[in-house]
């Protein structure tokens, strides 16, 4: 009679291996289905973003390669504006519109002082103010009014 004892794993060991393989296969299926769902969601967002030509936001911040603010475009209780900063983070230019609709353009020195301002009054009259940061001399121009020179 031939020997029926074949060397190798027992029937119980084979059953345990089969159970582990089935468990791993089930986990792999869940993982793959989850991955498919995530890819589908991401593709939907990507397709929507590519197809859309409108971005809605209250504020945009432009950063340099070091993460410093270089420009901010946004809205606030003070109105809407664009602020531009130099490479060390100082405000240098500010263009804005107040909540009442009054526009203004402001240029600042590296020390933060207003060097030039161009704006409209509430009644729509334009004005220009220039200030020399070194001497403190100021010039204010407004149509219908004589130029005001406050040279020290």
N, C-alpha and C. Protein backbone atom coordinates (compact mmCIF):
# COMPACT_ATOMS: atom_id res chain seq x y z
N UNK A 1 0.84 -1.17 0.00
CA UNK A 1 0.00 0.00 0.00
C UNK A 1 0.89 1.24 0.00
N UNK A 2 0.54 2.24 -0.84
CA UNK A 2 1.37 3.43 -0.94
C UNK A 2 1.24 4.28 0.32
N UNK A 3 2.28 5.06 0.56
CA UNK A 3 2.30 5.96 1.73
C UNK A 3 1.38 7.15 1.48
N UNK A 4 0.40 7.39 2.35
CA UNK A 4 -0.54 8.51 2.18
C UNK A 4 -0.10 9.75 2.91
N UNK A 5 0.96 9.70 3.63
CA UNK A 5 1.49 10.88 4.32
C UNK A 5 2.38 11.66 3.36
N UNK A 6 1.86 12.72 2.84
CA UNK A 6 2.63 13.58 1.94
C UNK A 6 3.21 14.71 2.78
N UNK A 7 4.51 14.91 2.71
CA UNK A 7 5.08 15.99 3.51
C UNK A 7 4.53 17.34 3.05
N UNK A 8 4.34 18.30 3.95
CA UNK A 8 3.85 19.63 3.63
C UNK A 8 2.82 20.06 4.66
N UNK A 9 2.11 21.13 4.34
CA UNK A 9 1.15 21.67 5.31
C UNK A 9 -0.01 20.71 5.52
N UNK A 10 -0.56 20.79 6.71
CA UNK A 10 -1.72 19.96 7.02
C UNK A 10 -2.96 20.61 6.45
N UNK A 11 -4.02 19.87 6.48
CA UNK A 11 -5.31 20.37 5.98
C UNK A 11 -5.75 21.58 6.79
N UNK A 12 -5.51 21.61 8.08
CA UNK A 12 -5.88 22.74 8.93
C UNK A 12 -5.05 23.97 8.57
N UNK A 13 -3.75 23.74 8.31
CA UNK A 13 -2.88 24.87 7.92
C UNK A 13 -3.30 25.45 6.59
N UNK A 14 -3.66 24.59 5.65
CA UNK A 14 -4.14 25.06 4.34
C UNK A 14 -5.45 25.84 4.50
N UNK A 15 -6.32 25.38 5.37
CA UNK A 15 -7.58 26.09 5.62
C UNK A 15 -7.33 27.47 6.20
N UNK A 16 -6.37 27.56 7.12
CA UNK A 16 -6.02 28.86 7.73
C UNK A 16 -5.42 29.80 6.69
N UNK A 17 -4.56 29.26 5.84
CA UNK A 17 -3.96 30.09 4.76
C UNK A 17 -5.04 30.59 3.81
N UNK A 18 -5.99 29.73 3.48
CA UNK A 18 -7.08 30.12 2.59
C UNK A 18 -7.93 31.21 3.23
N UNK A 19 -8.22 31.08 4.55
CA UNK A 19 -9.00 32.10 5.25
C UNK A 19 -8.26 33.44 5.25
N UNK A 20 -6.95 33.45 5.50
CA UNK A 20 -6.16 34.68 5.48
C UNK A 20 -6.13 35.31 4.08
N UNK A 21 -5.99 34.46 3.06
CA UNK A 21 -5.97 34.97 1.69
C UNK A 21 -7.31 35.60 1.32
N UNK A 22 -8.41 34.97 1.72
CA UNK A 22 -9.74 35.53 1.45
C UNK A 22 -9.95 36.85 2.19
N UNK A 23 -9.48 36.94 3.44
CA UNK A 23 -9.59 38.17 4.22
C UNK A 23 -8.80 39.29 3.55
N UNK A 24 -7.58 38.97 3.13
CA UNK A 24 -6.75 39.98 2.46
C UNK A 24 -7.36 40.42 1.14
N UNK A 25 -7.93 39.48 0.41
CA UNK A 25 -8.58 39.80 -0.86
C UNK A 25 -9.78 40.71 -0.63
N UNK A 26 -10.55 40.43 0.43
CA UNK A 26 -11.70 41.28 0.75
C UNK A 26 -11.25 42.70 1.10
N UNK A 27 -10.19 42.82 1.93
CA UNK A 27 -9.65 44.14 2.26
C UNK A 27 -9.15 44.86 1.02
N UNK A 28 -8.49 44.13 0.15
CA UNK A 28 -7.98 44.73 -1.09
C UNK A 28 -9.14 45.24 -1.95
N UNK A 29 -10.22 44.46 -2.02
CA UNK A 29 -11.39 44.90 -2.79
C UNK A 29 -11.97 46.20 -2.21
N UNK A 30 -12.12 46.27 -0.86
CA UNK A 30 -12.62 47.50 -0.24
C UNK A 30 -11.70 48.67 -0.53
N UNK A 31 -10.40 48.45 -0.42
CA UNK A 31 -9.43 49.51 -0.69
C UNK A 31 -9.54 49.99 -2.14
N UNK A 32 -9.60 49.04 -3.08
CA UNK A 32 -9.68 49.42 -4.49
C UNK A 32 -10.99 50.15 -4.81
N UNK A 33 -12.10 49.71 -4.23
CA UNK A 33 -13.37 50.40 -4.45
C UNK A 33 -13.31 51.82 -3.85
N UNK A 34 -12.73 51.94 -2.67
CA UNK A 34 -12.56 53.27 -2.07
C UNK A 34 -11.69 54.16 -2.95
N UNK A 35 -10.62 53.59 -3.50
CA UNK A 35 -9.74 54.35 -4.39
C UNK A 35 -10.49 54.78 -5.65
N UNK A 36 -11.30 53.90 -6.20
CA UNK A 36 -12.09 54.25 -7.39
C UNK A 36 -13.04 55.40 -7.07
N UNK A 37 -13.69 55.34 -5.92
CA UNK A 37 -14.61 56.42 -5.52
C UNK A 37 -13.85 57.74 -5.36
N UNK A 38 -12.70 57.71 -4.70
CA UNK A 38 -11.90 58.93 -4.53
C UNK A 38 -11.45 59.50 -5.87
N UNK A 39 -11.00 58.65 -6.76
CA UNK A 39 -10.57 59.11 -8.08
C UNK A 39 -11.75 59.72 -8.84
N UNK A 40 -12.91 59.11 -8.72
CA UNK A 40 -14.10 59.65 -9.40
C UNK A 40 -14.47 61.03 -8.84
N UNK A 41 -14.40 61.17 -7.52
CA UNK A 41 -14.71 62.47 -6.91
C UNK A 41 -13.69 63.52 -7.34
N UNK A 42 -12.40 63.15 -7.28
CA UNK A 42 -11.34 64.09 -7.69
C UNK A 42 -11.49 64.46 -9.16
N UNK A 43 -11.82 63.50 -10.01
CA UNK A 43 -12.01 63.80 -11.43
C UNK A 43 -13.18 64.75 -11.63
N UNK A 44 -14.24 64.54 -10.86
CA UNK A 44 -15.38 65.45 -10.96
C UNK A 44 -15.01 66.87 -10.59
N UNK A 45 -14.27 67.03 -9.50
CA UNK A 45 -13.83 68.37 -9.11
C UNK A 45 -12.90 68.97 -10.15
N UNK A 46 -11.99 68.16 -10.68
CA UNK A 46 -11.05 68.65 -11.67
C UNK A 46 -11.76 69.08 -12.94
N UNK A 47 -12.69 68.28 -13.39
CA UNK A 47 -13.46 68.63 -14.59
C UNK A 47 -14.23 69.92 -14.35
N UNK A 48 -14.82 70.05 -13.18
CA UNK A 48 -15.57 71.26 -12.84
C UNK A 48 -14.64 72.47 -12.80
N UNK A 49 -13.47 72.30 -12.21
CA UNK A 49 -12.53 73.42 -12.10
C UNK A 49 -11.99 73.83 -13.46
N UNK A 50 -11.70 72.87 -14.32
CA UNK A 50 -11.17 73.20 -15.65
C UNK A 50 -12.25 73.85 -16.50
N UNK A 51 -13.48 73.36 -16.37
CA UNK A 51 -14.55 73.89 -17.18
C UNK A 51 -15.04 75.25 -16.71
N UNK A 52 -14.78 75.59 -15.47
CA UNK A 52 -15.26 76.86 -14.92
C UNK A 52 -14.27 77.97 -15.20
N UNK A 53 -14.75 79.09 -15.61
CA UNK A 53 -13.90 80.24 -15.87
C UNK A 53 -14.08 81.32 -14.81
N UNK A 54 -14.85 81.02 -13.79
CA UNK A 54 -15.13 81.98 -12.73
C UNK A 54 -14.66 81.42 -11.40
N UNK A 55 -13.94 82.24 -10.67
CA UNK A 55 -13.51 81.89 -9.32
C UNK A 55 -14.15 82.88 -8.37
N UNK A 56 -14.79 82.38 -7.34
CA UNK A 56 -15.43 83.24 -6.36
C UNK A 56 -14.60 83.24 -5.08
N UNK A 57 -14.28 84.41 -4.60
CA UNK A 57 -13.52 84.51 -3.36
C UNK A 57 -13.68 85.91 -2.79
N UNK A 58 -13.38 86.07 -1.52
CA UNK A 58 -13.40 87.39 -0.90
C UNK A 58 -12.00 87.97 -0.81
N UNK A 59 -11.00 87.10 -0.98
CA UNK A 59 -9.63 87.59 -0.84
C UNK A 59 -8.66 86.67 -1.57
N UNK A 60 -7.68 87.27 -2.26
CA UNK A 60 -6.59 86.55 -2.89
C UNK A 60 -5.29 87.10 -2.33
N UNK A 61 -4.39 86.22 -1.98
CA UNK A 61 -3.09 86.64 -1.46
C UNK A 61 -2.02 86.05 -2.37
N UNK A 62 -1.17 86.91 -2.92
CA UNK A 62 -0.07 86.49 -3.78
C UNK A 62 1.19 86.42 -2.91
N UNK A 63 1.81 85.24 -2.87
CA UNK A 63 2.99 85.03 -2.03
C UNK A 63 4.23 84.86 -2.90
N UNK A 64 5.39 85.25 -2.35
CA UNK A 64 6.64 84.97 -3.06
C UNK A 64 7.11 83.57 -2.69
N UNK A 65 8.28 83.18 -3.20
CA UNK A 65 8.76 81.82 -2.97
C UNK A 65 9.08 81.52 -1.51
N UNK A 66 9.20 82.57 -0.68
CA UNK A 66 9.46 82.39 0.75
C UNK A 66 8.18 82.44 1.59
N UNK A 67 7.04 82.61 0.92
CA UNK A 67 5.77 82.64 1.64
C UNK A 67 5.36 84.01 2.15
N UNK A 68 6.07 85.06 1.72
CA UNK A 68 5.73 86.42 2.17
C UNK A 68 4.64 87.00 1.27
N UNK A 69 3.77 87.82 1.88
CA UNK A 69 2.73 88.51 1.12
C UNK A 69 3.38 89.49 0.16
N UNK A 70 3.02 89.41 -1.12
CA UNK A 70 3.48 90.37 -2.11
C UNK A 70 2.33 91.25 -2.59
N UNK A 71 1.12 90.70 -2.58
CA UNK A 71 -0.06 91.47 -2.97
C UNK A 71 -1.29 90.81 -2.35
N UNK A 72 -2.26 91.65 -2.01
CA UNK A 72 -3.53 91.17 -1.48
C UNK A 72 -4.65 91.88 -2.23
N UNK A 73 -5.54 91.11 -2.79
CA UNK A 73 -6.73 91.65 -3.45
C UNK A 73 -7.91 91.12 -2.68
N UNK A 74 -8.73 92.03 -2.17
CA UNK A 74 -9.85 91.53 -1.38
C UNK A 74 -10.82 92.59 -0.95
N UNK A 75 -11.80 92.12 -0.19
CA UNK A 75 -12.82 92.98 0.36
C UNK A 75 -12.70 92.98 1.87
N UNK A 76 -13.16 94.07 2.49
CA UNK A 76 -13.18 94.18 3.94
C UNK A 76 -14.26 95.20 4.29
N UNK A 77 -14.53 95.43 5.56
CA UNK A 77 -15.49 96.47 5.93
C UNK A 77 -15.06 97.85 5.43
N UNK A 78 -13.75 98.04 5.17
CA UNK A 78 -13.26 99.33 4.68
C UNK A 78 -13.43 99.48 3.17
N UNK A 79 -13.90 98.45 2.48
CA UNK A 79 -14.11 98.53 1.04
C UNK A 79 -13.42 97.39 0.32
N UNK A 80 -13.05 97.64 -0.94
CA UNK A 80 -12.35 96.65 -1.75
C UNK A 80 -11.03 97.26 -2.18
N UNK A 81 -9.98 96.44 -2.27
CA UNK A 81 -8.71 97.03 -2.63
C UNK A 81 -7.67 96.03 -3.06
N UNK A 82 -6.59 96.60 -3.60
CA UNK A 82 -5.40 95.86 -3.98
C UNK A 82 -4.23 96.51 -3.27
N UNK A 83 -3.56 95.74 -2.43
CA UNK A 83 -2.40 96.23 -1.71
C UNK A 83 -1.17 95.48 -2.22
N UNK A 84 -0.09 96.23 -2.52
CA UNK A 84 1.13 95.63 -3.04
C UNK A 84 2.26 95.93 -2.06
N UNK A 85 3.04 94.89 -1.74
CA UNK A 85 4.10 94.98 -0.75
C UNK A 85 5.47 94.83 -1.41
N UNK A 86 6.50 95.38 -0.76
CA UNK A 86 7.86 95.19 -1.28
C UNK A 86 8.41 93.86 -0.76
N UNK A 87 9.67 93.57 -1.10
CA UNK A 87 10.24 92.27 -0.78
C UNK A 87 10.49 92.05 0.71
N UNK A 88 10.40 93.10 1.52
CA UNK A 88 10.55 92.92 2.97
C UNK A 88 9.22 93.04 3.70
N UNK A 89 8.11 93.10 2.95
CA UNK A 89 6.80 93.07 3.56
C UNK A 89 6.17 94.40 3.89
N UNK A 90 6.76 95.49 3.38
CA UNK A 90 6.19 96.81 3.66
C UNK A 90 5.18 97.18 2.58
N UNK A 91 4.05 97.76 3.00
CA UNK A 91 3.03 98.22 2.07
C UNK A 91 3.60 99.36 1.25
N UNK A 92 3.53 99.26 -0.09
CA UNK A 92 4.08 100.30 -0.96
C UNK A 92 3.01 100.95 -1.84
N UNK A 93 1.99 100.20 -2.23
CA UNK A 93 0.93 100.73 -3.09
C UNK A 93 -0.40 100.19 -2.60
N UNK A 94 -1.40 101.06 -2.57
CA UNK A 94 -2.73 100.65 -2.17
C UNK A 94 -3.73 101.30 -3.11
N UNK A 95 -4.53 100.49 -3.76
CA UNK A 95 -5.57 100.99 -4.66
C UNK A 95 -6.88 100.47 -4.10
N UNK A 96 -7.81 101.37 -3.83
CA UNK A 96 -9.02 100.90 -3.18
C UNK A 96 -10.27 101.67 -3.55
N UNK A 97 -11.36 101.13 -3.08
CA UNK A 97 -12.68 101.73 -3.28
C UNK A 97 -13.40 101.60 -1.94
N UNK A 98 -13.81 102.75 -1.37
CA UNK A 98 -14.48 102.73 -0.07
C UNK A 98 -15.88 102.15 -0.22
N UNK A 99 -16.53 101.79 0.88
CA UNK A 99 -17.90 101.27 0.79
C UNK A 99 -18.87 102.23 0.11
N UNK A 100 -18.59 103.54 0.19
CA UNK A 100 -19.47 104.51 -0.47
C UNK A 100 -19.14 104.68 -1.96
N UNK A 101 -18.06 104.01 -2.43
CA UNK A 101 -17.71 104.08 -3.85
C UNK A 101 -16.62 105.08 -4.17
N UNK A 102 -15.98 105.66 -3.17
CA UNK A 102 -14.92 106.63 -3.39
C UNK A 102 -13.60 105.91 -3.68
N UNK A 103 -13.01 106.14 -4.89
CA UNK A 103 -11.76 105.47 -5.22
C UNK A 103 -10.54 106.25 -4.73
N UNK A 104 -9.43 105.51 -4.55
CA UNK A 104 -8.19 106.16 -4.16
C UNK A 104 -6.99 105.32 -4.53
N UNK A 105 -5.87 106.01 -4.80
CA UNK A 105 -4.59 105.37 -5.08
C UNK A 105 -3.57 105.99 -4.14
N UNK A 106 -2.84 105.16 -3.42
CA UNK A 106 -1.87 105.65 -2.45
C UNK A 106 -0.52 104.98 -2.67
N UNK A 107 0.55 105.80 -2.66
CA UNK A 107 1.91 105.30 -2.78
C UNK A 107 2.65 105.61 -1.48
N UNK A 108 3.36 104.63 -0.95
CA UNK A 108 4.02 104.78 0.34
C UNK A 108 5.53 104.71 0.21
N UNK A 109 6.22 105.42 1.10
CA UNK A 109 7.68 105.35 1.17
C UNK A 109 8.06 104.05 1.86
N UNK A 110 9.35 103.68 1.79
CA UNK A 110 9.77 102.48 2.53
C UNK A 110 9.54 102.59 4.03
N UNK A 111 9.43 103.81 4.55
CA UNK A 111 9.16 104.01 5.98
C UNK A 111 7.67 103.95 6.31
N UNK A 112 6.82 103.78 5.30
CA UNK A 112 5.40 103.65 5.53
C UNK A 112 4.61 104.95 5.46
N UNK A 113 5.27 106.06 5.10
CA UNK A 113 4.58 107.34 5.00
C UNK A 113 3.93 107.47 3.62
N UNK A 114 2.79 108.15 3.57
CA UNK A 114 2.12 108.38 2.29
C UNK A 114 2.91 109.41 1.50
N UNK A 115 3.41 109.01 0.33
CA UNK A 115 4.17 109.91 -0.53
C UNK A 115 3.27 110.56 -1.57
N UNK A 116 2.27 109.82 -2.04
CA UNK A 116 1.35 110.37 -3.04
C UNK A 116 -0.03 109.75 -2.82
N UNK A 117 -1.04 110.58 -3.03
CA UNK A 117 -2.42 110.10 -2.92
C UNK A 117 -3.24 110.77 -4.01
N UNK A 118 -3.96 109.95 -4.72
CA UNK A 118 -4.89 110.46 -5.75
C UNK A 118 -6.24 109.85 -5.41
N UNK A 119 -7.23 110.70 -5.21
CA UNK A 119 -8.55 110.16 -4.89
C UNK A 119 -9.64 111.14 -5.29
N UNK A 120 -10.87 110.67 -5.17
CA UNK A 120 -12.05 111.50 -5.40
C UNK A 120 -12.73 111.73 -4.06
N UNK A 121 -13.32 112.90 -3.90
CA UNK A 121 -14.10 113.17 -2.71
C UNK A 121 -15.45 112.49 -2.85
N UNK A 122 -16.25 112.54 -1.81
CA UNK A 122 -17.59 111.95 -1.86
C UNK A 122 -18.44 112.56 -2.97
N UNK A 123 -18.16 113.84 -3.30
CA UNK A 123 -18.93 114.52 -4.35
C UNK A 123 -18.32 114.33 -5.74
N UNK A 124 -17.22 113.57 -5.84
CA UNK A 124 -16.62 113.28 -7.14
C UNK A 124 -15.51 114.23 -7.55
N UNK A 125 -15.09 115.13 -6.68
CA UNK A 125 -14.02 116.07 -7.01
C UNK A 125 -12.67 115.38 -6.80
N UNK A 126 -11.80 115.38 -7.82
CA UNK A 126 -10.50 114.73 -7.67
C UNK A 126 -9.52 115.58 -6.86
N UNK A 127 -8.59 114.90 -6.21
CA UNK A 127 -7.53 115.61 -5.51
C UNK A 127 -6.25 114.80 -5.60
N UNK A 128 -5.14 115.54 -5.58
CA UNK A 128 -3.81 114.93 -5.62
C UNK A 128 -3.01 115.52 -4.47
N UNK A 129 -2.42 114.65 -3.67
CA UNK A 129 -1.55 115.10 -2.58
C UNK A 129 -0.19 114.45 -2.74
N UNK A 130 0.85 115.27 -2.70
CA UNK A 130 2.22 114.78 -2.79
C UNK A 130 2.96 115.22 -1.54
N UNK A 131 3.76 114.32 -0.98
CA UNK A 131 4.51 114.64 0.23
C UNK A 131 5.95 114.19 0.06
N UNK A 132 6.88 115.10 0.33
CA UNK A 132 8.29 114.74 0.32
C UNK A 132 8.66 114.25 1.72
N UNK A 133 9.00 112.97 1.83
CA UNK A 133 9.28 112.38 3.13
C UNK A 133 10.52 113.00 3.79
N UNK A 134 11.46 113.48 2.98
CA UNK A 134 12.70 114.03 3.54
C UNK A 134 12.47 115.40 4.15
N UNK A 135 11.86 116.31 3.38
CA UNK A 135 11.69 117.69 3.86
C UNK A 135 10.35 117.91 4.55
N UNK A 136 9.40 117.02 4.30
CA UNK A 136 8.06 117.21 4.86
C UNK A 136 7.20 118.14 4.03
N UNK A 137 7.73 118.62 2.89
CA UNK A 137 6.96 119.52 2.02
C UNK A 137 5.77 118.77 1.44
N UNK A 138 4.63 119.48 1.38
CA UNK A 138 3.40 118.88 0.85
C UNK A 138 2.81 119.77 -0.23
N UNK A 139 2.24 119.14 -1.23
CA UNK A 139 1.54 119.84 -2.29
C UNK A 139 0.20 119.17 -2.45
N UNK A 140 -0.88 119.98 -2.43
CA UNK A 140 -2.22 119.45 -2.56
C UNK A 140 -2.90 120.18 -3.71
N UNK A 141 -3.33 119.40 -4.71
CA UNK A 141 -4.01 119.96 -5.88
C UNK A 141 -5.45 119.48 -5.90
N UNK A 142 -6.36 120.46 -6.12
CA UNK A 142 -7.78 120.13 -6.18
C UNK A 142 -8.39 121.12 -7.17
N UNK A 143 -9.10 120.63 -8.22
CA UNK A 143 -9.67 121.54 -9.20
C UNK A 143 -10.56 122.60 -8.55
N UNK A 144 -10.41 123.84 -9.00
CA UNK A 144 -11.21 124.93 -8.47
C UNK A 144 -10.63 125.54 -7.21
N UNK A 145 -9.53 125.00 -6.72
CA UNK A 145 -8.89 125.54 -5.51
C UNK A 145 -7.43 125.82 -5.87
N UNK A 146 -6.88 126.87 -5.27
CA UNK A 146 -5.45 127.11 -5.51
C UNK A 146 -4.63 125.99 -4.89
N UNK A 147 -3.48 125.69 -5.50
CA UNK A 147 -2.60 124.66 -4.96
C UNK A 147 -2.14 125.06 -3.58
N UNK A 148 -2.17 124.14 -2.67
CA UNK A 148 -1.70 124.40 -1.31
C UNK A 148 -0.30 123.84 -1.18
N UNK A 149 0.64 124.70 -0.85
CA UNK A 149 2.03 124.29 -0.70
C UNK A 149 2.42 124.53 0.75
N UNK A 150 2.79 123.49 1.44
CA UNK A 150 3.16 123.67 2.84
C UNK A 150 4.64 123.35 3.03
N UNK A 151 5.47 123.98 2.20
CA UNK A 151 6.91 123.76 2.32
C UNK A 151 7.40 124.35 3.63
N UNK A 152 8.10 123.57 4.44
CA UNK A 152 8.55 124.10 5.72
C UNK A 152 9.65 125.14 5.54
